[in-house]
Amino acid sequence: LRILATVGAEAWPQFPSAPSTGASGLNVGVLPWTGAFVPFDTQPNV
């Protein structure tokens, strides 16, 4: 595979030669994440 652009404002240190979408003036900036959630009424001490 070849990277045309990394998504966001900055290039990746792992592949520094690949430009970012931010460098092309594009405000894409979508960042997948993982996170934890509980039911809304979970007790404060918990």
ModelCIF file with pLDDT and N, C-alpha, C, O atoms, coordinates in Angstrom:
data_MODEL
#
_entry.id   MODEL 
#
_entity.id                         1 
_entity.type                       polymer 
_entity.pdbx_number_of_molecules   1 
#
_entity_poly.entity_id                      1 
_entity_poly.type                           'polypeptide(L)' 
_entity_poly.nstd_linkage                   no 
_entity_poly.nstd_monomer                   no 
_entity_poly.pdbx_seq_one_letter_code       LRILATVGAEAWPQFPSAPSTGASGLNVGVLPWTGAFVPFDTQPNV 
_entity_poly.pdbx_seq_one_letter_code_can   LRILATVGAEAWPQFPSAPSTGASGLNVGVLPWTGAFVPFDTQPNV 
_entity_poly.pdbx_strand_id                 A 
#
loop_
_entity_poly_seq.entity_id 
_entity_poly_seq.num 
_entity_poly_seq.mon_id 
_entity_poly_seq.hetero 
1 1  LEU n 
1 2  ARG n 
1 3  ILE n 
1 4  LEU n 
1 5  ALA n 
1 6  THR n 
1 7  VAL n 
1 8  GLY n 
1 9  ALA n 
1 10 GLU n 
1 11 ALA n 
1 12 TRP n 
1 13 PRO n 
1 14 GLN n 
1 15 PHE n 
1 16 PRO n 
1 17 SER n 
1 18 ALA n 
1 19 PRO n 
1 20 SER n 
1 21 THR n 
1 22 GLY n 
1 23 ALA n 
1 24 SER n 
1 25 GLY n 
1 26 LEU n 
1 27 ASN n 
1 28 VAL n 
1 29 GLY n 
1 30 VAL n 
1 31 LEU n 
1 32 PRO n 
1 33 TRP n 
1 34 THR n 
1 35 GLY n 
1 36 ALA n 
1 37 PHE n 
1 38 VAL n 
1 39 PRO n 
1 40 PHE n 
1 41 ASP n 
1 42 THR n 
1 43 GLN n 
1 44 PRO n 
1 45 ASN n 
1 46 VAL n 
#
_struct_asym.id          A 
_struct_asym.entity_id   1 
#
loop_
_ma_qa_metric.id 
_ma_qa_metric.mode 
_ma_qa_metric.name 
_ma_qa_metric.software_group_id 
_ma_qa_metric.type 
1 global pLDDT . pLDDT 
2 local  pLDDT . pLDDT 
#
_ma_qa_metric_global.metric_id      1 
_ma_qa_metric_global.metric_value   93.07 
_ma_qa_metric_global.model_id       1 
_ma_qa_metric_global.ordinal_id     1 
#
loop_
_ma_qa_metric_local.label_asym_id 
_ma_qa_metric_local.label_comp_id 
_ma_qa_metric_local.label_seq_id 
_ma_qa_metric_local.metric_id 
_ma_qa_metric_local.metric_value 
_ma_qa_metric_local.model_id 
_ma_qa_metric_local.ordinal_id 
A LEU 1  2 98.00 1 1  
A ARG 2  2 97.00 1 2  
A ILE 3  2 97.00 1 3  
A LEU 4  2 97.00 1 4  
A ALA 5  2 96.00 1 5  
A THR 6  2 96.00 1 6  
A VAL 7  2 95.00 1 7  
A GLY 8  2 90.00 1 8  
A ALA 9  2 88.00 1 9  
A GLU 10 2 84.00 1 10 
A ALA 11 2 86.00 1 11 
A TRP 12 2 91.00 1 12 
A PRO 13 2 90.00 1 13 
A GLN 14 2 90.00 1 14 
A PHE 15 2 93.00 1 15 
A PRO 16 2 91.00 1 16 
A SER 17 2 91.00 1 17 
A ALA 18 2 93.00 1 18 
A PRO 19 2 93.00 1 19 
A SER 20 2 93.00 1 20 
A THR 21 2 93.00 1 21 
A GLY 22 2 90.00 1 22 
A ALA 23 2 89.00 1 23 
A SER 24 2 87.00 1 24 
A GLY 25 2 90.00 1 25 
A LEU 26 2 91.00 1 26 
A ASN 27 2 88.00 1 27 
A VAL 28 2 90.00 1 28 
A GLY 29 2 82.00 1 29 
A VAL 30 2 90.00 1 30 
A LEU 31 2 92.00 1 31 
A PRO 32 2 93.00 1 32 
A TRP 33 2 96.00 1 33 
A THR 34 2 97.00 1 34 
A GLY 35 2 98.00 1 35 
A ALA 36 2 98.00 1 36 
A PHE 37 2 98.00 1 37 
A VAL 38 2 98.00 1 38 
A PRO 39 2 98.00 1 39 
A PHE 40 2 97.00 1 40 
A ASP 41 2 97.00 1 41 
A THR 42 2 97.00 1 42 
A GLN 43 2 95.00 1 43 
A PRO 44 2 95.00 1 44 
A ASN 45 2 96.00 1 45 
A VAL 46 2 97.00 1 46 
#
loop_
_atom_site.group_PDB 
_atom_site.id 
_atom_site.type_symbol 
_atom_site.label_atom_id 
_atom_site.label_alt_id 
_atom_site.label_comp_id 
_atom_site.label_asym_id 
_atom_site.label_entity_id 
_atom_site.label_seq_id 
_atom_site.pdbx_PDB_ins_code 
_atom_site.Cartn_x 
_atom_site.Cartn_y 
_atom_site.Cartn_z 
_atom_site.occupancy 
_atom_site.B_iso_or_equiv 
_atom_site.pdbx_formal_charge 
_atom_site.auth_seq_id 
_atom_site.auth_comp_id 
_atom_site.auth_asym_id 
_atom_site.auth_atom_id 
_atom_site.pdbx_PDB_model_num 
ATOM 1   N N  . LEU A 1 1  ? 0.836   -1.193 0.000  1.00 98.00 ? 1  LEU A N  1 
ATOM 2   C CA . LEU A 1 1  ? 0.000   0.000  0.000  1.00 98.00 ? 1  LEU A CA 1 
ATOM 3   C C  . LEU A 1 1  ? 0.876   1.249  0.000  1.00 98.00 ? 1  LEU A C  1 
ATOM 4   O O  . LEU A 1 1  ? 2.032   1.215  0.420  1.00 98.00 ? 1  LEU A O  1 
ATOM 5   N N  . ARG A 1 2  ? 0.306   2.342  -0.475 1.00 97.00 ? 2  ARG A N  1 
ATOM 6   C CA . ARG A 1 2  ? 0.988   3.633  -0.441 1.00 97.00 ? 2  ARG A CA 1 
ATOM 7   C C  . ARG A 1 2  ? 0.065   4.649  0.223  1.00 97.00 ? 2  ARG A C  1 
ATOM 8   O O  . ARG A 1 2  ? -1.127  4.703  -0.077 1.00 97.00 ? 2  ARG A O  1 
ATOM 9   N N  . ILE A 1 3  ? 0.616   5.447  1.120  1.00 97.00 ? 3  ILE A N  1 
ATOM 10  C CA . ILE A 1 3  ? -0.136  6.510  1.781  1.00 97.00 ? 3  ILE A CA 1 
ATOM 11  C C  . ILE A 1 3  ? -0.106  7.760  0.911  1.00 97.00 ? 3  ILE A C  1 
ATOM 12  O O  . ILE A 1 3  ? 0.964   8.263  0.569  1.00 97.00 ? 3  ILE A O  1 
ATOM 13  N N  . LEU A 1 4  ? -1.289  8.259  0.557  1.00 97.00 ? 4  LEU A N  1 
ATOM 14  C CA . LEU A 1 4  ? -1.365  9.530  -0.161 1.00 97.00 ? 4  LEU A CA 1 
ATOM 15  C C  . LEU A 1 4  ? -1.360  10.705 0.810  1.00 97.00 ? 4  LEU A C  1 
ATOM 16  O O  . LEU A 1 4  ? -0.781  11.753 0.527  1.00 97.00 ? 4  LEU A O  1 
ATOM 17  N N  . ALA A 1 5  ? -2.006  10.521 1.950  1.00 96.00 ? 5  ALA A N  1 
ATOM 18  C CA . ALA A 1 5  ? -2.025  11.577 2.970  1.00 96.00 ? 5  ALA A CA 1 
ATOM 19  C C  . ALA A 1 5  ? -2.491  10.996 4.289  1.00 96.00 ? 5  ALA A C  1 
ATOM 20  O O  . ALA A 1 5  ? -3.350  10.115 4.322  1.00 96.00 ? 5  ALA A O  1 
ATOM 21  N N  . THR A 1 6  ? -1.923  11.489 5.369  1.00 96.00 ? 6  THR A N  1 
ATOM 22  C CA . THR A 1 6  ? -2.443  11.161 6.696  1.00 96.00 ? 6  THR A CA 1 
ATOM 23  C C  . THR A 1 6  ? -3.524  12.181 7.024  1.00 96.00 ? 6  THR A C  1 
ATOM 24  O O  . THR A 1 6  ? -3.470  13.324 6.568  1.00 96.00 ? 6  THR A O  1 
ATOM 25  N N  . VAL A 1 7  ? -4.498  11.767 7.810  1.00 95.00 ? 7  VAL A N  1 
ATOM 26  C CA . VAL A 1 7  ? -5.660  12.614 8.088  1.00 95.00 ? 7  VAL A CA 1 
ATOM 27  C C  . VAL A 1 7  ? -5.422  13.429 9.353  1.00 95.00 ? 7  VAL A C  1 
ATOM 28  O O  . VAL A 1 7  ? -5.144  12.878 10.418 1.00 95.00 ? 7  VAL A O  1 
ATOM 29  N N  . GLY A 1 8  ? -5.535  14.743 9.221  1.00 90.00 ? 8  GLY A N  1 
ATOM 30  C CA . GLY A 1 8  ? -5.321  15.622 10.365 1.00 90.00 ? 8  GLY A CA 1 
ATOM 31  C C  . GLY A 1 8  ? -4.344  16.731 10.035 1.00 90.00 ? 8  GLY A C  1 
ATOM 32  O O  . GLY A 1 8  ? -3.983  16.948 8.878  1.00 90.00 ? 8  GLY A O  1 
ATOM 33  N N  . ALA A 1 9  ? -3.929  17.421 11.068 1.00 88.00 ? 9  ALA A N  1 
ATOM 34  C CA . ALA A 1 9  ? -3.065  18.589 10.876 1.00 88.00 ? 9  ALA A CA 1 
ATOM 35  C C  . ALA A 1 9  ? -1.592  18.224 10.724 1.00 88.00 ? 9  ALA A C  1 
ATOM 36  O O  . ALA A 1 9  ? -0.834  18.968 10.101 1.00 88.00 ? 9  ALA A O  1 
ATOM 37  N N  . GLU A 1 10 ? -1.174  17.078 11.290 1.00 84.00 ? 10 GLU A N  1 
ATOM 38  C CA . GLU A 1 10 ? 0.255   16.769 11.342 1.00 84.00 ? 10 GLU A CA 1 
ATOM 39  C C  . GLU A 1 10 ? 0.571   15.453 10.650 1.00 84.00 ? 10 GLU A C  1 
ATOM 40  O O  . GLU A 1 10 ? -0.272  14.561 10.558 1.00 84.00 ? 10 GLU A O  1 
ATOM 41  N N  . ALA A 1 11 ? 1.796   15.353 10.169 1.00 86.00 ? 11 ALA A N  1 
ATOM 42  C CA . ALA A 1 11 ? 2.285   14.101 9.574  1.00 86.00 ? 11 ALA A CA 1 
ATOM 43  C C  . ALA A 1 11 ? 2.604   13.107 10.695 1.00 86.00 ? 11 ALA A C  1 
ATOM 44  O O  . ALA A 1 11 ? 2.715   13.479 11.863 1.00 86.00 ? 11 ALA A O  1 
ATOM 45  N N  . TRP A 1 12 ? 2.749   11.846 10.315 1.00 91.00 ? 12 TRP A N  1 
ATOM 46  C CA . TRP A 1 12 ? 3.066   10.802 11.293 1.00 91.00 ? 12 TRP A CA 1 
ATOM 47  C C  . TRP A 1 12 ? 4.582   10.615 11.388 1.00 91.00 ? 12 TRP A C  1 
ATOM 48  O O  . TRP A 1 12 ? 5.262   10.594 10.363 1.00 91.00 ? 12 TRP A O  1 
ATOM 49  N N  . PRO A 1 13 ? 5.113   10.480 12.588 1.00 90.00 ? 13 PRO A N  1 
ATOM 50  C CA . PRO A 1 13 ? 6.548   10.186 12.712 1.00 90.00 ? 13 PRO A CA 1 
ATOM 51  C C  . PRO A 1 13 ? 6.907   8.822  12.144 1.00 90.00 ? 13 PRO A C  1 
ATOM 52  O O  . PRO A 1 13 ? 8.047   8.608  11.731 1.00 90.00 ? 13 PRO A O  1 
ATOM 53  N N  . GLN A 1 14 ? 5.937   7.882  12.115 1.00 90.00 ? 14 GLN A N  1 
ATOM 54  C CA . GLN A 1 14 ? 6.211   6.544  11.560 1.00 90.00 ? 14 GLN A CA 1 
ATOM 55  C C  . GLN A 1 14 ? 6.428   6.596  10.048 1.00 90.00 ? 14 GLN A C  1 
ATOM 56  O O  . GLN A 1 14 ? 7.198   5.804  9.505  1.00 90.00 ? 14 GLN A O  1 
ATOM 57  N N  . PHE A 1 15 ? 5.750   7.527  9.366  1.00 93.00 ? 15 PHE A N  1 
ATOM 58  C CA . PHE A 1 15 ? 5.862   7.676  7.913  1.00 93.00 ? 15 PHE A CA 1 
ATOM 59  C C  . PHE A 1 15 ? 5.997   9.161  7.598  1.00 93.00 ? 15 PHE A C  1 
ATOM 60  O O  . PHE A 1 15 ? 5.069   9.771  7.067  1.00 93.00 ? 15 PHE A O  1 
ATOM 61  N N  . PRO A 1 16 ? 7.146   9.745  7.924  1.00 91.00 ? 16 PRO A N  1 
ATOM 62  C CA . PRO A 1 16 ? 7.309   11.205 7.841  1.00 91.00 ? 16 PRO A CA 1 
ATOM 63  C C  . PRO A 1 16 ? 7.215   11.787 6.432  1.00 91.00 ? 16 PRO A C  1 
ATOM 64  O O  . PRO A 1 16 ? 6.962   12.981 6.272  1.00 91.00 ? 16 PRO A O  1 
ATOM 65  N N  . SER A 1 17 ? 7.414   10.957 5.414  1.00 91.00 ? 17 SER A N  1 
ATOM 66  C CA . SER A 1 17 ? 7.360   11.483 4.045  1.00 91.00 ? 17 SER A CA 1 
ATOM 67  C C  . SER A 1 17 ? 5.929   11.655 3.545  1.00 91.00 ? 17 SER A C  1 
ATOM 68  O O  . SER A 1 17 ? 5.706   12.316 2.531  1.00 91.00 ? 17 SER A O  1 
ATOM 69  N N  . ALA A 1 18 ? 4.961   11.069 4.243  1.00 93.00 ? 18 ALA A N  1 
ATOM 70  C CA . ALA A 1 18 ? 3.555   11.190 3.821  1.00 93.00 ? 18 ALA A CA 1 
ATOM 71  C C  . ALA A 1 18 ? 2.991   12.517 4.309  1.00 93.00 ? 18 ALA A C  1 
ATOM 72  O O  . ALA A 1 18 ? 3.028   12.783 5.510  1.00 93.00 ? 18 ALA A O  1 
ATOM 73  N N  . PRO A 1 19 ? 2.470   13.359 3.420  1.00 93.00 ? 19 PRO A N  1 
ATOM 74  C CA . PRO A 1 19 ? 1.907   14.648 3.847  1.00 93.00 ? 19 PRO A CA 1 
ATOM 75  C C  . PRO A 1 19 ? 0.578   14.459 4.566  1.00 93.00 ? 19 PRO A C  1 
ATOM 76  O O  . PRO A 1 19 ? -0.026  13.388 4.503  1.00 93.00 ? 19 PRO A O  1 
ATOM 77  N N  . SER A 1 20 ? 0.131   15.505 5.247  1.00 93.00 ? 20 SER A N  1 
ATOM 78  C CA . SER A 1 20 ? -1.154  15.453 5.946  1.00 93.00 ? 20 SER A CA 1 
ATOM 79  C C  . SER A 1 20 ? -2.222  16.168 5.127  1.00 93.00 ? 20 SER A C  1 
ATOM 80  O O  . SER A 1 20 ? -1.917  16.991 4.264  1.00 93.00 ? 20 SER A O  1 
ATOM 81  N N  . THR A 1 21 ? -3.487  15.836 5.416  1.00 93.00 ? 21 THR A N  1 
ATOM 82  C CA . THR A 1 21 ? -4.583  16.549 4.756  1.00 93.00 ? 21 THR A CA 1 
ATOM 83  C C  . THR A 1 21 ? -4.585  18.018 5.175  1.00 93.00 ? 21 THR A C  1 
ATOM 84  O O  . THR A 1 21 ? -4.988  18.886 4.401  1.00 93.00 ? 21 THR A O  1 
ATOM 85  N N  . GLY A 1 22 ? -4.139  18.294 6.394  1.00 90.00 ? 22 GLY A N  1 
ATOM 86  C CA . GLY A 1 22 ? -4.063  19.671 6.847  1.00 90.00 ? 22 GLY A CA 1 
ATOM 87  C C  . GLY A 1 22 ? -3.114  20.497 6.004  1.00 90.00 ? 22 GLY A C  1 
ATOM 88  O O  . GLY A 1 22 ? -3.351  21.683 5.776  1.00 90.00 ? 22 GLY A O  1 
ATOM 89  N N  . ALA A 1 23 ? -2.033  19.872 5.537  1.00 89.00 ? 23 ALA A N  1 
ATOM 90  C CA . ALA A 1 23 ? -1.069  20.576 4.696  1.00 89.00 ? 23 ALA A CA 1 
ATOM 91  C C  . ALA A 1 23 ? -1.675  20.964 3.356  1.00 89.00 ? 23 ALA A C  1 
ATOM 92  O O  . ALA A 1 23 ? -1.188  21.875 2.688  1.00 89.00 ? 23 ALA A O  1 
ATOM 93  N N  . SER A 1 24 ? -2.740  20.269 2.966  1.00 87.00 ? 24 SER A N  1 
ATOM 94  C CA . SER A 1 24 ? -3.445  20.593 1.718  1.00 87.00 ? 24 SER A CA 1 
ATOM 95  C C  . SER A 1 24 ? -4.614  21.543 1.953  1.00 87.00 ? 24 SER A C  1 
ATOM 96  O O  . SER A 1 24 ? -5.393  21.821 1.041  1.00 87.00 ? 24 SER A O  1 
ATOM 97  N N  . GLY A 1 25 ? -4.729  22.038 3.185  1.00 90.00 ? 25 GLY A N  1 
ATOM 98  C CA . GLY A 1 25 ? -5.780  22.987 3.498  1.00 90.00 ? 25 GLY A CA 1 
ATOM 99  C C  . GLY A 1 25 ? -7.139  22.370 3.752  1.00 90.00 ? 25 GLY A C  1 
ATOM 100 O O  . GLY A 1 25 ? -8.154  23.066 3.712  1.00 90.00 ? 25 GLY A O  1 
ATOM 101 N N  . LEU A 1 26 ? -7.172  21.056 4.017  1.00 91.00 ? 26 LEU A N  1 
ATOM 102 C CA . LEU A 1 26 ? -8.434  20.356 4.238  1.00 91.00 ? 26 LEU A CA 1 
ATOM 103 C C  . LEU A 1 26 ? -8.663  20.143 5.728  1.00 91.00 ? 26 LEU A C  1 
ATOM 104 O O  . LEU A 1 26 ? -7.775  19.660 6.430  1.00 91.00 ? 26 LEU A O  1 
ATOM 105 N N  . ASN A 1 27 ? -9.833  20.498 6.206  1.00 88.00 ? 27 ASN A N  1 
ATOM 106 C CA . ASN A 1 27 ? -10.182 20.325 7.613  1.00 88.00 ? 27 ASN A CA 1 
ATOM 107 C C  . ASN A 1 27 ? -10.962 19.018 7.774  1.00 88.00 ? 27 ASN A C  1 
ATOM 108 O O  . ASN A 1 27 ? -12.166 19.030 8.033  1.00 88.00 ? 27 ASN A O  1 
ATOM 109 N N  . VAL A 1 28 ? -10.269 17.902 7.619  1.00 90.00 ? 28 VAL A N  1 
ATOM 110 C CA . VAL A 1 28 ? -10.928 16.608 7.765  1.00 90.00 ? 28 VAL A CA 1 
ATOM 111 C C  . VAL A 1 28 ? -10.952 16.240 9.250  1.00 90.00 ? 28 VAL A C  1 
ATOM 112 O O  . VAL A 1 28 ? -12.024 16.148 9.848  1.00 90.00 ? 28 VAL A O  1 
ATOM 113 N N  . GLY A 1 29 ? -9.792  16.034 9.836  1.00 82.00 ? 29 GLY A N  1 
ATOM 114 C CA . GLY A 1 29 ? -9.655  15.925 11.279 1.00 82.00 ? 29 GLY A CA 1 
ATOM 115 C C  . GLY A 1 29 ? -10.529 14.903 11.972 1.00 82.00 ? 29 GLY A C  1 
ATOM 116 O O  . GLY A 1 29 ? -10.916 15.117 13.121 1.00 82.00 ? 29 GLY A O  1 
ATOM 117 N N  . VAL A 1 30 ? -10.859 13.793 11.313 1.00 90.00 ? 30 VAL A N  1 
ATOM 118 C CA . VAL A 1 30 ? -11.628 12.732 11.960 1.00 90.00 ? 30 VAL A CA 1 
ATOM 119 C C  . VAL A 1 30 ? -10.642 11.769 12.608 1.00 90.00 ? 30 VAL A C  1 
ATOM 120 O O  . VAL A 1 30 ? -9.701  11.303 11.965 1.00 90.00 ? 30 VAL A O  1 
ATOM 121 N N  . LEU A 1 31 ? -10.865 11.473 13.893 1.00 92.00 ? 31 LEU A N  1 
ATOM 122 C CA . LEU A 1 31 ? -9.910  10.670 14.640 1.00 92.00 ? 31 LEU A CA 1 
ATOM 123 C C  . LEU A 1 31 ? -10.623 9.517  15.335 1.00 92.00 ? 31 LEU A C  1 
ATOM 124 O O  . LEU A 1 31 ? -11.267 9.735  16.361 1.00 92.00 ? 31 LEU A O  1 
ATOM 125 N N  . PRO A 1 32 ? -10.528 8.293  14.808 1.00 93.00 ? 32 PRO A N  1 
ATOM 126 C CA . PRO A 1 32 ? -11.134 7.151  15.498 1.00 93.00 ? 32 PRO A CA 1 
ATOM 127 C C  . PRO A 1 32 ? -10.528 6.968  16.890 1.00 93.00 ? 32 PRO A C  1 
ATOM 128 O O  . PRO A 1 32 ? -9.335  7.196  17.093 1.00 93.00 ? 32 PRO A O  1 
ATOM 129 N N  . TRP A 1 33 ? -11.366 6.552  17.844 1.00 96.00 ? 33 TRP A N  1 
ATOM 130 C CA . TRP A 1 33 ? -10.908 6.378  19.219 1.00 96.00 ? 33 TRP A CA 1 
ATOM 131 C C  . TRP A 1 33 ? -11.581 5.174  19.852 1.00 96.00 ? 33 TRP A C  1 
ATOM 132 O O  . TRP A 1 33 ? -12.585 4.664  19.354 1.00 96.00 ? 33 TRP A O  1 
ATOM 133 N N  . THR A 1 34 ? -11.000 4.732  20.967 1.00 97.00 ? 34 THR A N  1 
ATOM 134 C CA . THR A 1 34 ? -11.646 3.741  21.827 1.00 97.00 ? 34 THR A CA 1 
ATOM 135 C C  . THR A 1 34 ? -11.913 4.394  23.171 1.00 97.00 ? 34 THR A C  1 
ATOM 136 O O  . THR A 1 34 ? -11.135 5.229  23.633 1.00 97.00 ? 34 THR A O  1 
ATOM 137 N N  . GLY A 1 35 ? -13.029 4.007  23.800 1.00 98.00 ? 35 GLY A N  1 
ATOM 138 C CA . GLY A 1 35 ? -13.351 4.596  25.084 1.00 98.00 ? 35 GLY A CA 1 
ATOM 139 C C  . GLY A 1 35 ? -14.329 3.745  25.869 1.00 98.00 ? 35 GLY A C  1 
ATOM 140 O O  . GLY A 1 35 ? -14.944 2.819  25.338 1.00 98.00 ? 35 GLY A O  1 
ATOM 141 N N  . ALA A 1 36 ? -14.462 4.077  27.150 1.00 98.00 ? 36 ALA A N  1 
ATOM 142 C CA . ALA A 1 36 ? -15.317 3.320  28.067 1.00 98.00 ? 36 ALA A CA 1 
ATOM 143 C C  . ALA A 1 36 ? -16.494 4.169  28.524 1.00 98.00 ? 36 ALA A C  1 
ATOM 144 O O  . ALA A 1 36 ? -16.363 5.368  28.772 1.00 98.00 ? 36 ALA A O  1 
ATOM 145 N N  . PHE A 1 37 ? -17.661 3.507  28.629 1.00 98.00 ? 37 PHE A N  1 
ATOM 146 C CA . PHE A 1 37 ? -18.899 4.168  29.043 1.00 98.00 ? 37 PHE A CA 1 
ATOM 147 C C  . PHE A 1 37 ? -19.647 3.274  30.026 1.00 98.00 ? 37 PHE A C  1 
ATOM 148 O O  . PHE A 1 37 ? -19.496 2.052  30.009 1.00 98.00 ? 37 PHE A O  1 
ATOM 149 N N  . VAL A 1 38 ? -20.449 3.890  30.875 1.00 98.00 ? 38 VAL A N  1 
ATOM 150 C CA . VAL A 1 38 ? -21.322 3.164  31.805 1.00 98.00 ? 38 VAL A CA 1 
ATOM 151 C C  . VAL A 1 38 ? -22.726 3.753  31.693 1.00 98.00 ? 38 VAL A C  1 
ATOM 152 O O  . VAL A 1 38 ? -22.899 4.821  31.106 1.00 98.00 ? 38 VAL A O  1 
ATOM 153 N N  . PRO A 1 39 ? -23.742 3.066  32.252 1.00 98.00 ? 39 PRO A N  1 
ATOM 154 C CA . PRO A 1 39 ? -25.083 3.661  32.280 1.00 98.00 ? 39 PRO A CA 1 
ATOM 155 C C  . PRO A 1 39 ? -25.057 5.029  32.941 1.00 98.00 ? 39 PRO A C  1 
ATOM 156 O O  . PRO A 1 39 ? -24.296 5.259  33.881 1.00 98.00 ? 39 PRO A O  1 
ATOM 157 N N  . PHE A 1 40 ? -25.895 5.938  32.444 1.00 97.00 ? 40 PHE A N  1 
ATOM 158 C CA . PHE A 1 40 ? -25.832 7.332  32.880 1.00 97.00 ? 40 PHE A CA 1 
ATOM 159 C C  . PHE A 1 40 ? -26.018 7.505  34.388 1.00 97.00 ? 40 PHE A C  1 
ATOM 160 O O  . PHE A 1 40 ? -25.393 8.377  34.992 1.00 97.00 ? 40 PHE A O  1 
ATOM 161 N N  . ASP A 1 41 ? -26.871 6.685  34.998 1.00 97.00 ? 41 ASP A N  1 
ATOM 162 C CA . ASP A 1 41 ? -27.188 6.853  36.419 1.00 97.00 ? 41 ASP A CA 1 
ATOM 163 C C  . ASP A 1 41 ? -26.222 6.124  37.360 1.00 97.00 ? 41 ASP A C  1 
ATOM 164 O O  . ASP A 1 41 ? -26.533 5.933  38.535 1.00 97.00 ? 41 ASP A O  1 
ATOM 165 N N  . THR A 1 42 ? -25.073 5.725  36.860 1.00 97.00 ? 42 THR A N  1 
ATOM 166 C CA . THR A 1 42 ? -24.095 5.053  37.716 1.00 97.00 ? 42 THR A CA 1 
ATOM 167 C C  . THR A 1 42 ? -23.736 5.939  38.914 1.00 97.00 ? 42 THR A C  1 
ATOM 168 O O  . THR A 1 42 ? -23.524 7.144  38.773 1.00 97.00 ? 42 THR A O  1 
ATOM 169 N N  . GLN A 1 43 ? -23.673 5.313  40.096 1.00 95.00 ? 43 GLN A N  1 
ATOM 170 C CA . GLN A 1 43 ? -23.480 6.066  41.338 1.00 95.00 ? 43 GLN A CA 1 
ATOM 171 C C  . GLN A 1 43 ? -22.137 6.815  41.336 1.00 95.00 ? 43 GLN A C  1 
ATOM 172 O O  . GLN A 1 43 ? -21.146 6.318  40.801 1.00 95.00 ? 43 GLN A O  1 
ATOM 173 N N  . PRO A 1 44 ? -22.115 8.014  41.938 1.00 95.00 ? 44 PRO A N  1 
ATOM 174 C CA . PRO A 1 44 ? -20.890 8.829  41.950 1.00 95.00 ? 44 PRO A CA 1 
ATOM 175 C C  . PRO A 1 44 ? -19.684 8.112  42.541 1.00 95.00 ? 44 PRO A C  1 
ATOM 176 O O  . PRO A 1 44 ? -18.576 8.251  42.024 1.00 95.00 ? 44 PRO A O  1 
ATOM 177 N N  . ASN A 1 45 ? -19.877 7.340  43.626 1.00 96.00 ? 45 ASN A N  1 
ATOM 178 C CA . ASN A 1 45 ? -18.720 6.660  44.234 1.00 96.00 ? 45 ASN A CA 1 
ATOM 179 C C  . ASN A 1 45 ? -18.159 5.585  43.303 1.00 96.00 ? 45 ASN A C  1 
ATOM 180 O O  . ASN A 1 45 ? -16.951 5.346  43.278 1.00 96.00 ? 45 ASN A O  1 
ATOM 181 N N  . VAL A 1 46 ? -19.041 4.941  42.541 1.00 97.00 ? 46 VAL A N  1 
ATOM 182 C CA . VAL A 1 46 ? -18.590 3.940  41.572 1.00 97.00 ? 46 VAL A CA 1 
ATOM 183 C C  . VAL A 1 46 ? -17.855 4.628  40.427 1.00 97.00 ? 46 VAL A C  1 
ATOM 184 O O  . VAL A 1 46 ? -17.393 3.961  39.501 1.00 97.00 ? 46 VAL A O  1 
#
